Amino acid sequence: MAGTALAAGVLTVAATLSLGLAAVGGAAVTAQRVAGAADAAALAAADAASGAVMTGEDPCALAARVAAASGARLSACQVDALTATVEVRAGYAGLVALSRARAGPPAGG
């Protein structure tokens, strides 16, 4: 009887740890996906602002489309001259992953 209770306890602990690790792993993947979406959105907006990409869209509208293609949502976008700064969000298990990115020509020079 004691062996059965011990085995059940070990299995419960192992299952709990597995679920916790899966949640942490999923959150880490989501954070990386959002960071990539922010980078791509900022680059798209900066390219549209500089004329490197010929589009009839506003640079921030293009950034929103690029973020959505990555499964994220553009929550802020600002274009100053040729530099674009964006903020992108995506949810996972009731939490929100947030990433900011900036793209444009190098400062100074």
N, C-alpha and C. Protein backbone atom coordinates (compact mmCIF):
# COMPACT_ATOMS: atom_id res chain seq x y z
N MET A 1 0.81 -1.19 0.00
CA MET A 1 0.00 0.00 0.00
C MET A 1 0.86 1.26 0.00
N ALA A 2 1.94 1.26 0.78
CA ALA A 2 2.80 2.43 0.85
C ALA A 2 3.49 2.68 -0.48
N GLY A 3 3.84 1.60 -1.17
CA GLY A 3 4.47 1.74 -2.48
C GLY A 3 3.55 2.37 -3.50
N THR A 4 2.27 2.03 -3.44
CA THR A 4 1.28 2.60 -4.36
C THR A 4 1.11 4.09 -4.11
N ALA A 5 1.05 4.49 -2.85
CA ALA A 5 0.90 5.91 -2.51
C ALA A 5 2.13 6.69 -2.94
N LEU A 6 3.30 6.10 -2.74
CA LEU A 6 4.55 6.76 -3.16
C LEU A 6 4.60 6.92 -4.67
N ALA A 7 4.22 5.88 -5.39
CA ALA A 7 4.23 5.94 -6.85
C ALA A 7 3.24 6.99 -7.35
N ALA A 8 2.06 7.05 -6.72
CA ALA A 8 1.06 8.05 -7.12
C ALA A 8 1.59 9.45 -6.84
N GLY A 9 2.27 9.63 -5.73
CA GLY A 9 2.84 10.94 -5.40
C GLY A 9 3.92 11.34 -6.38
N VAL A 10 4.78 10.41 -6.73
CA VAL A 10 5.85 10.69 -7.69
C VAL A 10 5.25 11.05 -9.06
N LEU A 11 4.24 10.32 -9.48
CA LEU A 11 3.60 10.62 -10.76
C LEU A 11 2.92 11.99 -10.74
N THR A 12 2.30 12.34 -9.63
CA THR A 12 1.65 13.65 -9.52
C THR A 12 2.68 14.77 -9.61
N VAL A 13 3.78 14.62 -8.92
CA VAL A 13 4.84 15.63 -8.97
C VAL A 13 5.42 15.73 -10.38
N ALA A 14 5.66 14.60 -11.01
CA ALA A 14 6.22 14.59 -12.36
C ALA A 14 5.26 15.25 -13.36
N ALA A 15 3.97 14.97 -13.22
CA ALA A 15 2.98 15.57 -14.12
C ALA A 15 2.91 17.08 -13.92
N THR A 16 2.94 17.51 -12.66
CA THR A 16 2.89 18.95 -12.37
C THR A 16 4.12 19.66 -12.93
N LEU A 17 5.28 19.07 -12.73
CA LEU A 17 6.50 19.67 -13.29
C LEU A 17 6.46 19.71 -14.81
N SER A 18 5.96 18.66 -15.43
CA SER A 18 5.87 18.63 -16.90
C SER A 18 4.96 19.74 -17.42
N LEU A 19 3.81 19.92 -16.76
CA LEU A 19 2.89 20.98 -17.19
C LEU A 19 3.51 22.36 -16.99
N GLY A 20 4.21 22.55 -15.88
CA GLY A 20 4.86 23.82 -15.62
C GLY A 20 5.94 24.12 -16.65
N LEU A 21 6.74 23.12 -16.96
CA LEU A 21 7.80 23.31 -17.96
C LEU A 21 7.23 23.56 -19.35
N ALA A 22 6.12 22.91 -19.67
CA ALA A 22 5.47 23.15 -20.97
C ALA A 22 4.96 24.59 -21.05
N ALA A 23 4.39 25.09 -19.96
CA ALA A 23 3.89 26.47 -19.94
C ALA A 23 5.04 27.47 -20.09
N VAL A 24 6.13 27.23 -19.38
CA VAL A 24 7.29 28.12 -19.47
C VAL A 24 7.89 28.07 -20.87
N GLY A 25 7.98 26.89 -21.44
CA GLY A 25 8.50 26.74 -22.80
C GLY A 25 7.63 27.46 -23.82
N GLY A 26 6.32 27.33 -23.68
CA GLY A 26 5.40 28.01 -24.59
C GLY A 26 5.50 29.52 -24.47
N ALA A 27 5.66 30.00 -23.25
CA ALA A 27 5.81 31.45 -23.05
C ALA A 27 7.12 31.95 -23.67
N ALA A 28 8.18 31.17 -23.55
CA ALA A 28 9.46 31.56 -24.14
C ALA A 28 9.37 31.60 -25.66
N VAL A 29 8.70 30.63 -26.23
CA VAL A 29 8.53 30.61 -27.69
C VAL A 29 7.71 31.81 -28.14
N THR A 30 6.65 32.13 -27.39
CA THR A 30 5.82 33.29 -27.73
C THR A 30 6.62 34.58 -27.64
N ALA A 31 7.44 34.72 -26.61
CA ALA A 31 8.26 35.92 -26.46
C ALA A 31 9.22 36.08 -27.64
N GLN A 32 9.82 34.99 -28.08
CA GLN A 32 10.74 35.06 -29.22
C GLN A 32 9.99 35.37 -30.51
N ARG A 33 8.79 34.81 -30.66
CA ARG A 33 7.99 35.08 -31.85
C ARG A 33 7.60 36.55 -31.90
N VAL A 34 7.22 37.11 -30.76
CA VAL A 34 6.83 38.52 -30.71
C VAL A 34 8.03 39.42 -30.99
N ALA A 35 9.20 39.05 -30.48
CA ALA A 35 10.41 39.84 -30.76
C ALA A 35 10.72 39.84 -32.26
N GLY A 36 10.58 38.70 -32.90
CA GLY A 36 10.80 38.62 -34.34
C GLY A 36 9.77 39.42 -35.12
N ALA A 37 8.52 39.38 -34.66
CA ALA A 37 7.46 40.15 -35.32
C ALA A 37 7.72 41.65 -35.18
N ALA A 38 8.20 42.07 -34.01
CA ALA A 38 8.51 43.49 -33.81
C ALA A 38 9.66 43.93 -34.71
N ASP A 39 10.70 43.11 -34.80
CA ASP A 39 11.83 43.44 -35.68
C ASP A 39 11.37 43.56 -37.14
N ALA A 40 10.59 42.59 -37.59
CA ALA A 40 10.12 42.61 -38.98
C ALA A 40 9.20 43.79 -39.24
N ALA A 41 8.33 44.11 -38.29
CA ALA A 41 7.42 45.24 -38.46
C ALA A 41 8.18 46.56 -38.51
N ALA A 42 9.17 46.71 -37.64
CA ALA A 42 9.96 47.95 -37.64
C ALA A 42 10.74 48.10 -38.94
N LEU A 43 11.32 47.01 -39.41
CA LEU A 43 12.05 47.06 -40.69
C LEU A 43 11.12 47.40 -41.85
N ALA A 44 9.94 46.82 -41.86
CA ALA A 44 8.98 47.10 -42.93
C ALA A 44 8.57 48.57 -42.91
N ALA A 45 8.29 49.09 -41.73
CA ALA A 45 7.89 50.51 -41.63
C ALA A 45 9.03 51.43 -42.04
N ALA A 46 10.26 51.13 -41.61
CA ALA A 46 11.40 51.97 -41.98
C ALA A 46 11.67 51.90 -43.48
N ASP A 47 11.55 50.72 -44.06
CA ASP A 47 11.74 50.58 -45.50
C ASP A 47 10.68 51.34 -46.29
N ALA A 48 9.44 51.30 -45.81
CA ALA A 48 8.38 52.05 -46.48
C ALA A 48 8.60 53.55 -46.34
N ALA A 49 9.04 53.99 -45.17
CA ALA A 49 9.28 55.42 -44.94
C ALA A 49 10.43 55.93 -45.80
N SER A 50 11.46 55.11 -46.01
CA SER A 50 12.62 55.55 -46.78
C SER A 50 12.42 55.43 -48.28
N GLY A 51 11.39 54.70 -48.69
CA GLY A 51 11.16 54.48 -50.11
C GLY A 51 11.87 53.25 -50.64
N ALA A 52 12.54 52.50 -49.76
CA ALA A 52 13.21 51.27 -50.20
C ALA A 52 12.20 50.23 -50.66
N VAL A 53 11.01 50.27 -50.08
CA VAL A 53 9.90 49.41 -50.49
C VAL A 53 8.81 50.32 -51.01
N MET A 54 8.47 50.16 -52.25
CA MET A 54 7.45 50.99 -52.87
C MET A 54 6.08 50.41 -52.54
N THR A 55 5.32 51.14 -51.75
CA THR A 55 3.98 50.70 -51.37
C THR A 55 3.09 51.92 -51.24
N GLY A 56 1.85 51.74 -51.49
CA GLY A 56 0.90 52.83 -51.34
C GLY A 56 0.40 52.95 -49.91
N GLU A 57 0.84 52.03 -49.06
CA GLU A 57 0.38 52.00 -47.66
C GLU A 57 1.18 52.96 -46.80
N ASP A 58 0.54 53.40 -45.75
CA ASP A 58 1.22 54.14 -44.69
C ASP A 58 2.24 53.17 -44.05
N PRO A 59 3.42 53.63 -43.65
CA PRO A 59 4.41 52.74 -43.05
C PRO A 59 3.88 51.97 -41.83
N CYS A 60 3.06 52.61 -41.02
CA CYS A 60 2.52 51.92 -39.84
C CYS A 60 1.46 50.89 -40.23
N ALA A 61 0.72 51.14 -41.30
CA ALA A 61 -0.24 50.14 -41.78
C ALA A 61 0.50 48.91 -42.30
N LEU A 62 1.61 49.14 -42.97
CA LEU A 62 2.43 48.01 -43.44
C LEU A 62 3.00 47.24 -42.26
N ALA A 63 3.46 47.97 -41.24
CA ALA A 63 3.99 47.31 -40.04
C ALA A 63 2.91 46.47 -39.36
N ALA A 64 1.68 46.96 -39.31
CA ALA A 64 0.58 46.21 -38.71
C ALA A 64 0.31 44.93 -39.49
N ARG A 65 0.39 45.01 -40.81
CA ARG A 65 0.16 43.82 -41.64
C ARG A 65 1.26 42.79 -41.42
N VAL A 66 2.51 43.25 -41.32
CA VAL A 66 3.64 42.34 -41.10
C VAL A 66 3.53 41.69 -39.72
N ALA A 67 3.16 42.45 -38.70
CA ALA A 67 2.99 41.89 -37.36
C ALA A 67 1.87 40.86 -37.34
N ALA A 68 0.77 41.16 -38.01
CA ALA A 68 -0.35 40.22 -38.06
C ALA A 68 0.03 38.93 -38.77
N ALA A 69 0.88 39.02 -39.77
CA ALA A 69 1.33 37.82 -40.47
C ALA A 69 2.15 36.91 -39.55
N SER A 70 2.71 37.48 -38.50
CA SER A 70 3.47 36.70 -37.52
C SER A 70 2.61 36.29 -36.34
N GLY A 71 1.33 36.55 -36.40
CA GLY A 71 0.43 36.18 -35.32
C GLY A 71 0.46 37.12 -34.14
N ALA A 72 0.87 38.36 -34.38
CA ALA A 72 0.94 39.36 -33.31
C ALA A 72 0.11 40.57 -33.71
N ARG A 73 0.02 41.54 -32.80
CA ARG A 73 -0.77 42.74 -33.05
C ARG A 73 0.10 43.96 -32.79
N LEU A 74 0.12 44.88 -33.74
CA LEU A 74 0.85 46.14 -33.58
C LEU A 74 0.06 47.02 -32.61
N SER A 75 0.69 47.40 -31.49
CA SER A 75 -0.01 48.23 -30.51
C SER A 75 0.46 49.68 -30.52
N ALA A 76 1.63 49.94 -31.10
CA ALA A 76 2.12 51.32 -31.22
C ALA A 76 3.08 51.40 -32.40
N CYS A 77 3.05 52.52 -33.08
CA CYS A 77 3.95 52.73 -34.21
C CYS A 77 4.21 54.23 -34.35
N GLN A 78 5.47 54.56 -34.50
CA GLN A 78 5.85 55.96 -34.70
C GLN A 78 6.97 56.00 -35.74
N VAL A 79 6.80 56.88 -36.71
CA VAL A 79 7.82 57.05 -37.75
C VAL A 79 8.31 58.49 -37.68
N ASP A 80 9.60 58.66 -37.42
CA ASP A 80 10.25 59.97 -37.40
C ASP A 80 11.29 59.98 -38.51
N ALA A 81 11.02 60.76 -39.54
CA ALA A 81 11.89 60.80 -40.73
C ALA A 81 12.02 59.40 -41.29
N LEU A 82 13.19 58.78 -41.18
CA LEU A 82 13.40 57.44 -41.73
C LEU A 82 13.48 56.36 -40.65
N THR A 83 13.22 56.71 -39.41
CA THR A 83 13.33 55.76 -38.30
C THR A 83 11.94 55.36 -37.82
N ALA A 84 11.70 54.06 -37.71
CA ALA A 84 10.42 53.55 -37.25
C ALA A 84 10.61 52.85 -35.90
N THR A 85 9.70 53.13 -34.98
CA THR A 85 9.69 52.48 -33.67
C THR A 85 8.32 51.85 -33.51
N VAL A 86 8.31 50.55 -33.19
CA VAL A 86 7.04 49.83 -33.08
C VAL A 86 6.98 49.08 -31.75
N GLU A 87 5.75 48.76 -31.35
CA GLU A 87 5.49 47.91 -30.19
C GLU A 87 4.51 46.85 -30.65
N VAL A 88 4.82 45.60 -30.36
CA VAL A 88 4.01 44.47 -30.82
C VAL A 88 3.63 43.61 -29.62
N ARG A 89 2.41 43.08 -29.63
CA ARG A 89 1.91 42.23 -28.54
C ARG A 89 1.30 40.95 -29.09
N ALA A 90 1.38 39.91 -28.28
CA ALA A 90 0.68 38.66 -28.58
C ALA A 90 0.40 37.97 -27.25
N GLY A 91 -0.69 37.22 -27.20
CA GLY A 91 -1.09 36.55 -25.97
C GLY A 91 -0.70 35.09 -25.98
N TYR A 92 -0.52 34.57 -24.75
CA TYR A 92 -0.27 33.14 -24.56
C TYR A 92 -0.76 32.77 -23.17
N ALA A 93 -1.69 31.86 -23.09
CA ALA A 93 -2.19 31.33 -21.83
C ALA A 93 -2.61 32.43 -20.86
N GLY A 94 -3.29 33.44 -21.38
CA GLY A 94 -3.77 34.51 -20.53
C GLY A 94 -2.74 35.59 -20.23
N LEU A 95 -1.54 35.43 -20.70
CA LEU A 95 -0.49 36.43 -20.50
C LEU A 95 -0.24 37.16 -21.80
N VAL A 96 0.39 38.33 -21.72
CA VAL A 96 0.69 39.11 -22.92
C VAL A 96 2.20 39.27 -23.05
N ALA A 97 2.72 38.91 -24.21
CA ALA A 97 4.14 39.13 -24.51
C ALA A 97 4.23 40.44 -25.29
N LEU A 98 5.17 41.28 -24.91
CA LEU A 98 5.34 42.61 -25.50
C LEU A 98 6.77 42.78 -25.96
N SER A 99 6.95 43.34 -27.14
CA SER A 99 8.30 43.60 -27.63
C SER A 99 8.30 44.92 -28.39
N ARG A 100 9.39 45.65 -28.25
CA ARG A 100 9.57 46.91 -28.98
C ARG A 100 10.79 46.78 -29.87
N ALA A 101 10.73 47.45 -31.01
CA ALA A 101 11.87 47.43 -31.94
C ALA A 101 11.95 48.77 -32.65
N ARG A 102 13.16 49.11 -33.06
CA ARG A 102 13.41 50.33 -33.81
C ARG A 102 14.28 49.99 -35.00
N ALA A 103 13.97 50.60 -36.14
CA ALA A 103 14.78 50.36 -37.35
C ALA A 103 14.90 51.67 -38.10
N GLY A 104 16.03 51.83 -38.76
CA GLY A 104 16.29 53.02 -39.54
C GLY A 104 17.79 53.17 -39.75
N PRO A 105 18.19 54.28 -40.32
CA PRO A 105 19.62 54.50 -40.54
C PRO A 105 20.35 54.67 -39.22
N PRO A 106 21.64 54.40 -39.19
CA PRO A 106 22.39 54.54 -37.94
C PRO A 106 22.41 56.00 -37.47
N ALA A 107 22.41 56.17 -36.17
CA ALA A 107 22.45 57.51 -35.59
C ALA A 107 23.84 58.10 -35.71
N GLY A 108 23.94 59.41 -35.69
CA GLY A 108 25.25 60.07 -35.75
C GLY A 108 25.81 60.03 -37.15
N GLY A 109 27.00 59.52 -37.23
CA GLY A 109 27.53 59.35 -38.57
C GLY A 109 28.75 60.03 -38.79
